[in-house]
Amino acid sequence: MEIVKKRRNRMAEINVVPYIDVMLVLLIVFMVTAPLLEQGLKVDLPEANSEPLDVDENAETLVVSITADGEYYLSLGSTREDEQAAVSLDMLGDQVGKIVGANPQIQVFVEGDGDSSYSAFISLMTVLQAAGVASPNLITKPLEQ
């Protein structure tokens, strides 16, 4: 009696169904968490009758905020996803100096609460000038008519 060896062909297919399941779960997780990532600092901007600035949407921006309590906040980018906790004026100057040194073309915006003190604003402008910011842009909201 002869034994016949049957050769098995190897299967060269990849089962992608588990990968699709994982991708759908990740999609749902990101869809649920994305709205929760909206963060921001509540600043009551002063009103001014001025024309809006021409801001390049693709350029990096650095936003420095002053609250009514005189606290300073630093945010890299317009989405404010990198916003930090309140920083001291000296630390703010060091961080802005490093950011401007790494990217001299960055646009710097100052966002101040209408109830913040004038001395806090002047101190901030002095620190920004020492950090190498030539002309920071001031953020206001338009007058309500």
C-alpha atoms as a PDB file:
ATOM      1  CA  MET A   1       0.000   0.000   0.000  1.00  0.00           C
ATOM      2  CA  GLU A   2       1.338   3.277  -1.030  1.00  0.00           C
ATOM      3  CA  ILE A   3       0.993   6.330   1.155  1.00  0.00           C
ATOM      4  CA  VAL A   4       0.145   9.375  -0.810  1.00  0.00           C
ATOM      5  CA  LYS A   5       1.346  12.607   0.666  1.00  0.00           C
ATOM      6  CA  LYS A   6      -0.949  15.414  -0.016  1.00  0.00           C
ATOM      7  CA  ARG A   7       0.689  18.815  -0.269  1.00  0.00           C
ATOM      8  CA  ARG A   8      -1.122  21.641   1.406  1.00  0.00           C
ATOM      9  CA  ASN A   9      -1.101  25.017  -0.213  1.00  0.00           C
ATOM     10  CA  ARG A  10      -0.343  27.784   2.156  1.00  0.00           C
ATOM     11  CA  MET A  11      -2.944  30.400   2.609  1.00  0.00           C
ATOM     12  CA  ALA A  12      -1.668  33.815   1.519  1.00  0.00           C
ATOM     13  CA  GLU A  13      -4.578  35.894   2.723  1.00  0.00           C
ATOM     14  CA  ILE A  14      -4.694  38.256   5.657  1.00  0.00           C
ATOM     15  CA  ASN A  15      -7.830  38.491   7.699  1.00  0.00           C
ATOM     16  CA  VAL A  16      -8.501  42.242   8.017  1.00  0.00           C
ATOM     17  CA  VAL A  17     -11.776  42.033   9.956  1.00  0.00           C
ATOM     18  CA  PRO A  18     -10.081  42.487  13.375  1.00  0.00           C
ATOM     19  CA  TYR A  19      -8.247  45.549  12.059  1.00  0.00           C
ATOM     20  CA  ILE A  20     -11.510  47.068  10.873  1.00  0.00           C
ATOM     21  CA  ASP A  21     -13.048  46.464  14.297  1.00  0.00           C
ATOM     22  CA  VAL A  22     -10.150  48.190  16.017  1.00  0.00           C
ATOM     23  CA  MET A  23     -10.350  51.141  13.616  1.00  0.00           C
ATOM     24  CA  LEU A  24     -14.072  51.569  14.251  1.00  0.00           C
ATOM     25  CA  VAL A  25     -13.538  51.532  18.017  1.00  0.00           C
ATOM     26  CA  LEU A  26     -10.760  54.137  17.686  1.00  0.00           C
ATOM     27  CA  LEU A  27     -12.977  56.276  15.471  1.00  0.00           C
ATOM     28  CA  ILE A  28     -15.740  56.246  18.059  1.00  0.00           C
ATOM     29  CA  VAL A  29     -13.304  57.065  20.872  1.00  0.00           C
ATOM     30  CA  PHE A  30     -11.874  60.032  18.955  1.00  0.00           C
ATOM     31  CA  MET A  31     -15.328  61.284  17.985  1.00  0.00           C
ATOM     32  CA  VAL A  32     -16.403  61.252  21.627  1.00  0.00           C
ATOM     33  CA  THR A  33     -13.240  62.878  23.010  1.00  0.00           C
ATOM     34  CA  ALA A  34     -12.766  65.562  20.326  1.00  0.00           C
ATOM     35  CA  PRO A  35     -15.468  67.924  21.657  1.00  0.00           C
ATOM     36  CA  LEU A  36     -14.037  67.571  25.160  1.00  0.00           C
ATOM     37  CA  LEU A  37     -10.688  68.946  23.997  1.00  0.00           C
ATOM     38  CA  GLU A  38     -12.131  72.410  23.441  1.00  0.00           C
ATOM     39  CA  GLN A  39     -10.324  74.482  25.983  1.00  0.00           C
ATOM     40  CA  GLY A  40      -9.959  78.135  26.385  1.00  0.00           C
ATOM     41  CA  LEU A  41      -9.432  80.990  28.714  1.00  0.00           C
ATOM     42  CA  LYS A  42     -12.375  83.272  29.415  1.00  0.00           C
ATOM     43  CA  VAL A  43     -11.158  86.783  28.696  1.00  0.00           C
ATOM     44  CA  ASP A  44     -13.544  89.722  28.375  1.00  0.00           C
ATOM     45  CA  LEU A  45     -11.857  91.572  25.512  1.00  0.00           C
ATOM     46  CA  PRO A  46     -12.151  95.343  25.338  1.00  0.00           C
ATOM     47  CA  GLU A  47     -14.129  96.743  22.421  1.00  0.00           C
ATOM     48  CA  ALA A  48     -12.447  98.885  19.790  1.00  0.00           C
ATOM     49  CA  ASN A  49     -13.378 100.301  16.429  1.00  0.00           C
ATOM     50  CA  SER A  50     -10.516  98.900  14.360  1.00  0.00           C
ATOM     51  CA  GLU A  51     -10.045  96.953  11.168  1.00  0.00           C
ATOM     52  CA  PRO A  52      -9.216  93.235  11.417  1.00  0.00           C
ATOM     53  CA  LEU A  53      -5.614  92.233  10.817  1.00  0.00           C
ATOM     54  CA  ASP A  54      -4.599  90.159   7.834  1.00  0.00           C
ATOM     55  CA  VAL A  55      -3.479  86.971   9.541  1.00  0.00           C
ATOM     56  CA  ASP A  56      -1.909  84.122   7.604  1.00  0.00           C
ATOM     57  CA  GLU A  57      -3.910  81.013   8.522  1.00  0.00           C
ATOM     58  CA  ASN A  58      -0.915  78.722   7.947  1.00  0.00           C
ATOM     59  CA  ALA A  59       1.550  80.718  10.045  1.00  0.00           C
ATOM     60  CA  GLU A  60       2.218  79.765  13.647  1.00  0.00           C
ATOM     61  CA  THR A  61       0.768  82.043  16.263  1.00  0.00           C
ATOM     62  CA  LEU A  62       1.614  82.675  19.887  1.00  0.00           C
ATOM     63  CA  VAL A  63      -1.149  84.117  22.076  1.00  0.00           C
ATOM     64  CA  VAL A  64      -0.322  85.710  25.419  1.00  0.00           C
ATOM     65  CA  SER A  65      -3.377  86.331  27.609  1.00  0.00           C
ATOM     66  CA  ILE A  66      -3.865  88.557  30.658  1.00  0.00           C
ATOM     67  CA  THR A  67      -6.821  87.884  32.943  1.00  0.00           C
ATOM     68  CA  ALA A  68      -8.646  90.402  35.106  1.00  0.00           C
ATOM     69  CA  ASP A  69      -6.702  89.021  38.082  1.00  0.00           C
ATOM     70  CA  GLY A  70      -3.382  89.899  36.425  1.00  0.00           C
ATOM     71  CA  GLU A  71      -2.433  86.283  35.605  1.00  0.00           C
ATOM     72  CA  TYR A  72      -0.553  85.516  32.401  1.00  0.00           C
ATOM     73  CA  TYR A  73      -1.233  82.565  30.099  1.00  0.00           C
ATOM     74  CA  LEU A  74       0.680  81.366  27.082  1.00  0.00           C
ATOM     75  CA  SER A  75      -0.872  79.512  24.139  1.00  0.00           C
ATOM     76  CA  LEU A  76       0.985  78.273  21.078  1.00  0.00           C
ATOM     77  CA  GLY A  77      -1.357  78.098  18.112  1.00  0.00           C
ATOM     78  CA  SER A  78      -4.812  79.441  17.557  1.00  0.00           C
ATOM     79  CA  THR A  79      -6.560  76.284  18.726  1.00  0.00           C
ATOM     80  CA  ARG A  80      -5.310  76.749  22.267  1.00  0.00           C
ATOM     81  CA  GLU A  81      -4.655  73.078  22.679  1.00  0.00           C
ATOM     82  CA  ASP A  82      -1.201  73.818  24.098  1.00  0.00           C
ATOM     83  CA  GLU A  83      -2.393  76.362  26.640  1.00  0.00           C
ATOM     84  CA  GLN A  84      -0.511  76.185  29.886  1.00  0.00           C
ATOM     85  CA  ALA A  85      -1.438  77.078  33.437  1.00  0.00           C
ATOM     86  CA  ALA A  86      -0.820  80.584  34.708  1.00  0.00           C
ATOM     87  CA  VAL A  87       2.850  81.496  34.387  1.00  0.00           C
ATOM     88  CA  SER A  88       4.917  84.145  36.095  1.00  0.00           C
ATOM     89  CA  LEU A  89       6.116  87.128  34.120  1.00  0.00           C
ATOM     90  CA  ASP A  90       9.765  85.995  34.244  1.00  0.00           C
ATOM     91  CA  MET A  91       8.926  82.485  33.071  1.00  0.00           C
ATOM     92  CA  LEU A  92       6.727  83.914  30.320  1.00  0.00           C
ATOM     93  CA  GLY A  93       9.621  86.051  29.092  1.00  0.00           C
ATOM     94  CA  ASP A  94      11.961  83.053  29.004  1.00  0.00           C
ATOM     95  CA  GLN A  95       9.465  80.871  27.140  1.00  0.00           C
ATOM     96  CA  VAL A  96       8.554  83.573  24.611  1.00  0.00           C
ATOM     97  CA  GLY A  97      12.248  84.263  24.042  1.00  0.00           C
ATOM     98  CA  LYS A  98      12.884  80.583  23.274  1.00  0.00           C
ATOM     99  CA  ILE A  99       9.876  80.345  20.947  1.00  0.00           C
ATOM    100  CA  VAL A 100      10.753  83.543  19.067  1.00  0.00           C
ATOM    101  CA  GLY A 101      14.405  82.472  18.877  1.00  0.00           C
ATOM    102  CA  ALA A 102      13.397  79.159  17.309  1.00  0.00           C
ATOM    103  CA  ASN A 103      10.874  80.751  14.936  1.00  0.00           C
ATOM    104  CA  PRO A 104      11.461  84.482  14.288  1.00  0.00           C
ATOM    105  CA  GLN A 105       8.506  84.619  11.868  1.00  0.00           C
ATOM    106  CA  ILE A 106       5.935  83.651  14.512  1.00  0.00           C
ATOM    107  CA  GLN A 107       3.020  86.048  14.979  1.00  0.00           C
ATOM    108  CA  VAL A 108       2.555  87.144  18.605  1.00  0.00           C
ATOM    109  CA  PHE A 109      -0.899  88.221  19.806  1.00  0.00           C
ATOM    110  CA  VAL A 110      -1.743  89.832  23.139  1.00  0.00           C
ATOM    111  CA  GLU A 111      -5.219  89.110  24.482  1.00  0.00           C
ATOM    112  CA  GLY A 112      -6.039  91.167  27.534  1.00  0.00           C
ATOM    113  CA  ASP A 113      -9.127  91.268  29.686  1.00  0.00           C
ATOM    114  CA  GLY A 114     -10.834  94.667  29.712  1.00  0.00           C
ATOM    115  CA  ASP A 115     -10.694  94.694  33.508  1.00  0.00           C
ATOM    116  CA  SER A 116      -6.969  93.909  33.758  1.00  0.00           C
ATOM    117  CA  SER A 117      -4.703  96.597  35.128  1.00  0.00           C
ATOM    118  CA  TYR A 118      -2.693  98.885  32.917  1.00  0.00           C
ATOM    119  CA  SER A 119       0.481  98.093  34.845  1.00  0.00           C
ATOM    120  CA  ALA A 120       0.099  94.350  34.088  1.00  0.00           C
ATOM    121  CA  PHE A 121      -0.230  95.184  30.402  1.00  0.00           C
ATOM    122  CA  ILE A 122       2.817  97.474  30.379  1.00  0.00           C
ATOM    123  CA  SER A 123       4.861  94.865  32.272  1.00  0.00           C
ATOM    124  CA  LEU A 124       3.877  92.270  29.689  1.00  0.00           C
ATOM    125  CA  MET A 125       4.791  94.529  26.764  1.00  0.00           C
ATOM    126  CA  THR A 126       8.189  95.247  28.345  1.00  0.00           C
ATOM    127  CA  VAL A 127       8.879  91.531  28.812  1.00  0.00           C
ATOM    128  CA  LEU A 128       7.791  90.765  25.224  1.00  0.00           C
ATOM    129  CA  GLN A 129      10.071  93.477  23.874  1.00  0.00           C
ATOM    130  CA  ALA A 130      12.997  92.084  25.894  1.00  0.00           C
ATOM    131  CA  ALA A 131      12.180  88.583  24.564  1.00  0.00           C
ATOM    132  CA  GLY A 132      12.616  89.793  20.976  1.00  0.00           C
ATOM    133  CA  VAL A 133       9.022  90.434  19.916  1.00  0.00           C
ATOM    134  CA  ALA A 134       9.208  93.487  17.684  1.00  0.00           C
ATOM    135  CA  SER A 135       5.518  94.220  17.197  1.00  0.00           C
ATOM    136  CA  PRO A 136       2.895  92.179  19.029  1.00  0.00           C
ATOM    137  CA  ASN A 137      -0.688  92.333  17.737  1.00  0.00           C
ATOM    138  CA  LEU A 138      -3.454  93.305  20.155  1.00  0.00           C
ATOM    139  CA  ILE A 139      -6.703  91.337  20.096  1.00  0.00           C
ATOM    140  CA  THR A 140      -9.966  93.233  20.629  1.00  0.00           C
ATOM    141  CA  LYS A 141     -13.573  92.533  19.823  1.00  0.00           C
ATOM    142  CA  PRO A 142     -15.536  94.784  17.476  1.00  0.00           C
ATOM    143  CA  LEU A 143     -17.888  97.413  18.852  1.00  0.00           C
ATOM    144  CA  GLU A 144     -21.456  96.256  19.213  1.00  0.00           C
ATOM    145  CA  GLN A 145     -23.799  98.590  17.418  1.00  0.00           C
END
